[in-house]
């Protein structure tokens, strides 16, 4: 067997995070996933990495937040 094995796509999902490390990992997974993911608990990310979402959007990530949402 030669070459690289074919990788399966990561499906999108609705997930929730309990802390900043979890929400950061889920955000990275969501960026790599096919489709639209929903992450609850994003306030953890805003508290610790306030500029991350705008920076990712600048790089081309399509991120939508819901005012008052978690």
Protein backbone atom coordinates (compact mmCIF):
# COMPACT_ATOMS: atom_id res chain seq x y z
CA UNK A 1 0.00 0.00 0.00
CA UNK A 2 1.38 3.40 -0.94
CA UNK A 3 0.30 6.98 -0.40
CA UNK A 4 -1.77 8.51 2.34
CA UNK A 5 -4.95 6.85 3.61
CA UNK A 6 -8.16 8.69 2.84
CA UNK A 7 -9.36 10.67 5.85
CA UNK A 8 -13.00 10.84 6.85
CA UNK A 9 -14.62 14.25 7.20
CA UNK A 10 -15.45 15.49 10.69
CA UNK A 11 -19.22 16.03 10.96
CA UNK A 12 -20.64 19.23 12.41
CA UNK A 13 -22.39 19.02 15.79
CA UNK A 14 -24.11 20.90 18.59
CA UNK A 15 -21.80 20.82 21.61
CA UNK A 16 -21.35 22.48 25.01
CA UNK A 17 -18.18 23.44 26.85
CA UNK A 18 -17.64 23.73 30.60
CA UNK A 19 -14.33 25.63 30.60
CA UNK A 20 -11.95 27.64 28.45
CA UNK A 21 -9.82 24.65 27.36
CA UNK A 22 -12.88 22.70 26.25
CA UNK A 23 -14.42 25.55 24.29
CA UNK A 24 -11.11 26.24 22.55
CA UNK A 25 -10.75 22.59 21.52
CA UNK A 26 -14.37 22.48 20.33
CA UNK A 27 -13.86 25.67 18.32
CA UNK A 28 -10.84 24.17 16.55
CA UNK A 29 -12.82 20.99 15.80
CA UNK A 30 -15.77 23.05 14.53
CA UNK A 31 -13.49 24.98 12.18
CA UNK A 32 -12.27 21.68 10.71
CA UNK A 33 -15.74 20.12 10.49
CA UNK A 34 -17.99 19.95 7.46
CA UNK A 35 -21.16 21.97 7.93
CA UNK A 36 -22.27 24.31 10.70
CA UNK A 37 -21.51 23.59 14.35
CA UNK A 38 -23.09 25.20 17.41
CA UNK A 39 -20.98 25.70 20.53
CA UNK A 40 -22.63 26.54 23.85
CA UNK A 41 -20.44 28.03 26.59
CA UNK A 42 -18.61 30.41 24.28
CA UNK A 43 -18.51 32.98 27.11
CA UNK A 44 -15.52 31.05 28.46
CA UNK A 45 -13.65 31.86 25.27
CA UNK A 46 -14.60 35.53 25.35
CA UNK A 47 -13.39 35.81 28.94
CA UNK A 48 -9.97 34.28 28.28
CA UNK A 49 -9.28 34.91 24.59
CA UNK A 50 -11.35 37.98 23.74
CA UNK A 51 -9.65 38.64 20.40
CA UNK A 52 -9.63 35.06 19.11
CA UNK A 53 -13.01 35.11 17.34
CA UNK A 54 -12.34 38.37 15.44
CA UNK A 55 -8.85 37.15 14.53
CA UNK A 56 -10.22 33.87 13.18
CA UNK A 57 -12.84 35.79 11.20
CA UNK A 58 -10.06 37.92 9.71
CA UNK A 59 -8.41 34.69 8.54
CA UNK A 60 -11.63 33.60 6.81
CA UNK A 61 -13.51 31.65 9.47
CA UNK A 62 -17.28 32.08 9.24
CA UNK A 63 -18.29 32.69 12.86
CA UNK A 64 -21.69 33.90 14.02
CA UNK A 65 -22.47 34.67 17.64
CA UNK A 66 -25.89 35.14 19.17
CA UNK A 67 -26.27 38.16 21.48
CA UNK A 68 -27.21 36.99 24.94
CA UNK A 69 -26.45 33.42 23.93
CA UNK A 70 -24.20 31.23 25.93
